[in-house]
Amino acid sequence: MKSPFLQSALRELQIFLRSPRFWATFAAVVLIFWVTGPYGTAERLAAVPRLGFWFVLHAVAWSIAVVTIVLVDTALRPRMPSLPGRMAVGTVVAGVPVGLATEAISLFTFGGEPTLSTLAGGIVSGLLLSALFCGLTFLTMSSRQAAALAAAPPPSAEAPSDVPLLRRLKPENRGPILHMTVADHYTEVTTSRGRELILLRFSDALEEVGDTPGLQVHRSHFVADAHVARLVRADGRLAVVLRDGAEIPVSRSRLEAVRSRWD
């Protein structure tokens, strides 16, 4: 059984990897390193091998950094509300494995023996690369959160009296409910102010949404009207596209209700 932590981290990673900004920046960075040939690669490698070297190095480094930063962000979210703070911690944590991985690729390509100075230099380079990835991650998460905020009416200062579920959330997360989903024995609640895991059965959470306009579209998902962007068909199945870009499957038993409400 997957843990709520892993489920949340996988959702973050999927949303991040769908970002056009991520892939455009990756392609631009690889091309810049290929054309400029820094660290002596222009003199030591021909054009095609140099492109392959920088592509592999950045693909490995970016993969390690993005996964690490997303895991750190997910782990620290309940205890550290500041997104920039979580990104900074993720940058430091990712710097070491990124630096060691890039140094290993360089040694494999050009030969030589690892020394303390080369390893230290690799870790410093890893921290710089991680800072770039951190900035990308921050921009992607911030834009997603901004879309969620734009999708809903302005949140009230206190939890509305007709939505008991909001009283279970931290004060800073109490705003109009946008989406709820099952996470093992927890329910993940997304509001216009943030997202939080609460120890509550999904069926009980549904009873506490009060007058929130929306619909249960799947046994594991409730979606508010304000968070629906459009309906799409994927692999012959209907899905709800949320305003943050996520796609939520629609159960067969709820197809007609979903179509009549949002089609």
Protein backbone atom coordinates (compact mmCIF):
# COMPACT_ATOMS: atom_id res chain seq x y z
CA MET A 1 0.00 0.00 0.00
CA LYS A 2 1.48 3.36 -0.98
CA SER A 3 2.02 5.89 1.77
CA PRO A 4 0.35 9.33 1.64
CA PHE A 5 3.84 10.82 1.44
CA LEU A 6 4.76 8.89 -1.71
CA GLN A 7 1.39 9.50 -3.33
CA SER A 8 1.67 13.23 -2.73
CA ALA A 9 5.27 13.31 -3.99
CA LEU A 10 4.34 11.42 -7.16
CA ARG A 11 1.50 13.85 -7.86
CA GLU A 12 3.90 16.79 -7.42
CA LEU A 13 6.43 15.17 -9.73
CA GLN A 14 3.84 14.46 -12.44
CA ILE A 15 2.58 18.04 -12.38
CA PHE A 16 6.14 19.34 -12.50
CA LEU A 17 7.14 17.14 -15.45
CA ARG A 18 4.11 18.35 -17.43
CA SER A 19 5.43 21.91 -17.25
CA PRO A 20 6.55 23.24 -20.69
CA ARG A 21 8.88 25.61 -18.82
CA PHE A 22 10.83 22.65 -17.47
CA TRP A 23 11.45 21.03 -20.86
CA ALA A 24 12.16 24.34 -22.62
CA THR A 25 14.74 25.28 -19.99
CA PHE A 26 16.33 21.83 -20.10
CA ALA A 27 16.71 22.02 -23.89
CA ALA A 28 18.08 25.57 -23.71
CA VAL A 29 20.67 24.70 -21.04
CA VAL A 30 21.89 21.60 -22.92
CA LEU A 31 22.23 23.62 -26.15
CA ILE A 32 24.14 26.41 -24.37
CA PHE A 33 26.60 23.95 -22.83
CA TRP A 34 26.96 22.14 -26.17
CA VAL A 35 27.68 25.29 -28.18
CA THR A 36 29.96 26.99 -25.64
CA GLY A 37 31.81 23.80 -24.62
CA PRO A 38 32.77 24.87 -21.09
CA TYR A 39 35.27 23.04 -18.83
CA GLY A 40 37.44 22.19 -21.84
CA THR A 41 34.82 20.01 -23.56
CA ALA A 42 35.06 22.08 -26.77
CA GLU A 43 38.72 21.11 -27.13
CA ARG A 44 38.43 17.52 -25.91
CA LEU A 45 35.22 16.38 -27.65
CA ALA A 46 33.88 16.66 -31.19
CA ALA A 47 30.49 18.25 -31.75
CA VAL A 48 28.31 15.12 -31.64
CA PRO A 49 30.04 13.44 -28.65
CA ARG A 50 29.98 16.80 -26.84
CA LEU A 51 26.22 17.05 -27.33
CA GLY A 52 25.81 13.51 -26.01
CA PHE A 53 28.02 14.25 -22.99
CA TRP A 54 26.10 17.34 -21.93
CA PHE A 55 22.73 15.72 -22.61
CA VAL A 56 23.53 12.71 -20.42
CA LEU A 57 25.14 14.81 -17.68
CA HIS A 58 22.20 17.23 -17.46
CA ALA A 59 19.59 14.48 -17.75
CA VAL A 60 21.12 12.64 -14.78
CA ALA A 61 21.71 15.80 -12.75
CA TRP A 62 18.25 17.24 -13.37
CA SER A 63 16.58 13.91 -12.57
CA ILE A 64 18.38 13.61 -9.23
CA ALA A 65 17.76 17.26 -8.33
CA VAL A 66 14.08 17.36 -9.28
CA VAL A 67 13.21 14.12 -7.46
CA THR A 68 15.17 15.20 -4.38
CA ILE A 69 13.64 18.68 -4.26
CA VAL A 70 10.10 17.35 -4.70
CA LEU A 71 10.63 14.75 -1.95
CA VAL A 72 12.05 17.37 0.40
CA ASP A 73 9.19 19.75 -0.39
CA THR A 74 6.60 17.04 0.31
CA ALA A 75 8.30 15.93 3.54
CA LEU A 76 8.70 19.44 4.95
CA ARG A 77 5.34 20.88 3.88
CA PRO A 78 3.50 19.98 7.13
CA ARG A 79 6.26 21.56 9.26
CA MET A 80 7.56 24.39 7.06
CA PRO A 81 4.83 26.51 5.44
CA SER A 82 7.31 28.64 3.46
CA LEU A 83 7.77 27.31 -0.09
CA PRO A 84 11.04 29.26 -0.65
CA GLY A 85 12.37 27.79 2.61
CA ARG A 86 11.55 24.24 1.52
CA MET A 87 13.16 24.89 -1.87
CA ALA A 88 16.33 26.16 -0.18
CA VAL A 89 16.59 23.01 1.94
CA GLY A 90 15.97 20.89 -1.16
CA THR A 91 18.78 22.69 -2.98
CA VAL A 92 21.31 21.87 -0.26
CA VAL A 93 20.19 18.24 0.02
CA ALA A 94 20.29 17.72 -3.75
CA GLY A 95 23.67 19.40 -4.20
CA VAL A 96 25.75 16.48 -2.91
CA PRO A 97 24.27 13.64 -5.03
CA VAL A 98 24.11 15.91 -8.10
CA GLY A 99 27.76 16.88 -7.67
CA LEU A 100 28.92 13.30 -7.17
CA ALA A 101 26.92 12.08 -10.18
CA THR A 102 28.28 14.75 -12.52
CA GLU A 103 31.82 14.11 -11.30
CA ALA A 104 31.38 10.36 -11.96
CA ILE A 105 30.18 11.06 -15.52
CA SER A 106 33.18 13.33 -16.15
CA LEU A 107 35.64 10.73 -14.83
CA PHE A 108 34.00 8.00 -16.94
CA THR A 109 34.24 10.17 -20.07
CA PHE A 110 37.69 11.70 -19.67
CA GLY A 111 39.37 9.28 -17.27
CA GLY A 112 41.42 10.17 -14.21
CA GLU A 113 41.26 9.42 -10.52
CA PRO A 114 38.88 11.09 -8.07
CA THR A 115 40.48 13.31 -5.45
CA LEU A 116 39.13 15.33 -2.57
CA SER A 117 39.54 18.53 -4.56
CA THR A 118 37.70 17.19 -7.62
CA LEU A 119 34.91 15.78 -5.45
CA ALA A 120 34.60 19.09 -3.60
CA GLY A 121 34.49 20.94 -6.92
CA GLY A 122 31.81 18.57 -8.17
CA ILE A 123 29.68 19.18 -5.07
CA VAL A 124 30.02 22.97 -5.50
CA SER A 125 28.93 22.61 -9.14
CA GLY A 126 26.09 20.38 -7.95
CA LEU A 127 24.90 23.09 -5.58
CA LEU A 128 24.88 25.62 -8.41
CA LEU A 129 22.93 23.27 -10.67
CA SER A 130 20.53 22.47 -7.83
CA ALA A 131 19.91 26.19 -7.33
CA LEU A 132 18.81 26.38 -10.98
CA PHE A 133 16.53 23.37 -10.58
CA CYS A 134 15.19 24.83 -7.34
CA GLY A 135 14.26 28.04 -9.14
CA LEU A 136 12.48 26.06 -11.86
CA THR A 137 10.62 24.00 -9.27
CA PHE A 138 9.61 27.12 -7.36
CA LEU A 139 8.31 28.81 -10.50
CA THR A 140 6.37 25.70 -11.53
CA MET A 141 4.79 25.21 -8.10
CA SER A 142 4.07 28.91 -7.70
CA SER A 143 2.36 29.12 -11.09
CA ARG A 144 0.26 26.07 -10.24
CA GLN A 145 -0.76 27.56 -6.91
CA ALA A 146 -1.51 30.89 -8.58
CA ALA A 147 -3.81 29.10 -11.03
CA ALA A 148 -5.62 27.47 -8.13
CA LEU A 149 -6.04 30.82 -6.42
CA ALA A 150 -7.37 32.42 -9.60
CA ALA A 151 -9.87 29.60 -10.03
CA ALA A 152 -11.65 30.22 -6.76
CA PRO A 153 -13.30 33.17 -5.05
CA PRO A 154 -11.18 35.07 -2.52
CA PRO A 155 -10.81 33.03 0.67
CA SER A 156 -12.46 34.27 3.84
CA ALA A 157 -10.42 35.09 6.91
CA GLU A 158 -12.09 32.30 8.86
CA ALA A 159 -13.59 28.95 7.95
CA PRO A 160 -17.22 29.38 6.84
CA SER A 161 -19.64 28.06 9.40
CA ASP A 162 -21.35 25.83 6.82
CA VAL A 163 -18.11 23.92 5.97
CA PRO A 164 -17.16 21.90 9.07
CA LEU A 165 -14.25 20.26 7.24
CA LEU A 166 -12.29 23.52 7.18
CA ARG A 167 -12.10 23.57 10.97
CA ARG A 168 -9.86 20.50 10.74
CA LEU A 169 -7.31 22.39 8.63
CA LYS A 170 -4.56 24.69 9.75
CA PRO A 171 -5.77 28.33 9.86
CA GLU A 172 -3.52 29.33 6.98
CA ASN A 173 -5.13 26.66 4.74
CA ARG A 174 -8.75 27.55 5.44
CA GLY A 175 -10.31 28.74 2.21
CA PRO A 176 -12.87 27.57 -0.34
CA ILE A 177 -12.46 23.84 -1.01
CA LEU A 178 -11.24 23.06 -4.53
CA HIS A 179 -10.45 19.34 -4.52
CA MET A 180 -10.36 16.35 -2.17
CA THR A 181 -8.79 12.98 -2.79
CA VAL A 182 -8.09 9.74 -0.91
CA ALA A 183 -4.58 9.09 0.42
CA ASP A 184 -4.79 5.73 2.22
CA HIS A 185 -6.38 6.44 5.61
CA TYR A 186 -6.04 10.18 5.02
CA THR A 187 -7.90 12.71 2.92
CA GLU A 188 -5.90 15.29 1.01
CA VAL A 189 -7.78 18.59 0.95
CA THR A 190 -6.85 21.33 -1.51
CA THR A 191 -8.24 24.80 -0.87
CA SER A 192 -7.59 28.20 -2.43
CA ARG A 193 -4.99 28.74 0.29
CA GLY A 194 -3.05 25.48 0.24
CA ARG A 195 -3.17 21.75 0.62
CA GLU A 196 -3.19 19.51 3.68
CA LEU A 197 -3.45 15.84 4.63
CA ILE A 198 -5.92 15.12 7.43
CA LEU A 199 -6.56 11.85 9.23
CA LEU A 200 -10.17 11.41 8.14
CA ARG A 201 -12.00 8.88 5.99
CA PHE A 202 -13.00 10.21 2.59
CA SER A 203 -16.65 9.34 3.20
CA ASP A 204 -16.60 11.40 6.40
CA ALA A 205 -14.87 14.27 4.62
CA LEU A 206 -17.63 14.33 2.00
CA GLU A 207 -20.19 14.78 4.76
CA GLU A 208 -18.32 17.83 6.02
CA VAL A 209 -18.02 19.88 2.82
CA GLY A 210 -21.25 21.69 3.68
CA ASP A 211 -22.64 23.84 0.88
CA THR A 212 -19.47 23.73 -1.22
CA PRO A 213 -20.71 23.55 -4.84
CA GLY A 214 -19.16 20.53 -6.46
CA LEU A 215 -19.47 16.85 -7.20
CA GLN A 216 -17.92 13.53 -6.25
CA VAL A 217 -16.63 12.38 -9.64
CA HIS A 218 -14.91 9.20 -8.51
CA ARG A 219 -14.82 7.06 -5.41
CA SER A 220 -11.55 8.84 -4.54
CA HIS A 221 -12.17 12.39 -5.77
CA PHE A 222 -14.41 15.37 -5.00
CA VAL A 223 -14.09 18.43 -7.26
CA ALA A 224 -15.54 21.88 -6.62
CA ASP A 225 -17.26 23.74 -9.46
CA ALA A 226 -14.76 26.60 -9.18
CA HIS A 227 -11.82 24.27 -9.89
CA VAL A 228 -13.12 22.67 -13.11
CA ALA A 229 -11.47 23.83 -16.34
CA ARG A 230 -13.02 21.41 -18.84
CA LEU A 231 -13.93 17.81 -19.59
CA VAL A 232 -11.76 15.63 -21.83
CA ARG A 233 -11.73 12.07 -23.12
CA ALA A 234 -8.55 10.08 -22.56
CA ASP A 235 -8.28 6.47 -23.78
CA GLY A 236 -12.03 6.38 -24.20
CA ARG A 237 -12.70 7.54 -20.64
CA LEU A 238 -14.04 10.84 -19.42
CA ALA A 239 -11.81 12.96 -17.19
CA VAL A 240 -12.12 16.32 -15.46
CA VAL A 241 -9.26 18.74 -16.08
CA LEU A 242 -8.69 20.97 -13.07
CA ARG A 243 -7.53 24.56 -13.29
CA ASP A 244 -4.09 23.53 -12.03
CA GLY A 245 -3.70 21.14 -14.99
CA ALA A 246 -4.37 17.86 -13.16
CA GLU A 247 -6.71 15.29 -14.76
CA ILE A 248 -9.21 13.48 -12.52
CA PRO A 249 -10.88 10.27 -13.77
CA VAL A 250 -14.66 10.02 -13.80
CA SER A 251 -16.32 6.81 -12.63
CA ARG A 252 -18.81 5.20 -14.99
CA SER A 253 -21.55 5.50 -12.41
CA ARG A 254 -21.02 9.28 -12.30
CA LEU A 255 -20.71 10.00 -16.03
CA GLU A 256 -24.18 11.43 -16.48
CA ALA A 257 -23.97 13.59 -13.38
CA VAL A 258 -20.63 15.01 -14.48
CA ARG A 259 -21.79 15.71 -18.04
CA SER A 260 -24.99 17.38 -16.94
CA ARG A 261 -23.14 19.58 -14.46
CA TRP A 262 -20.05 20.68 -16.40
CA ASP A 263 -20.41 19.72 -20.08
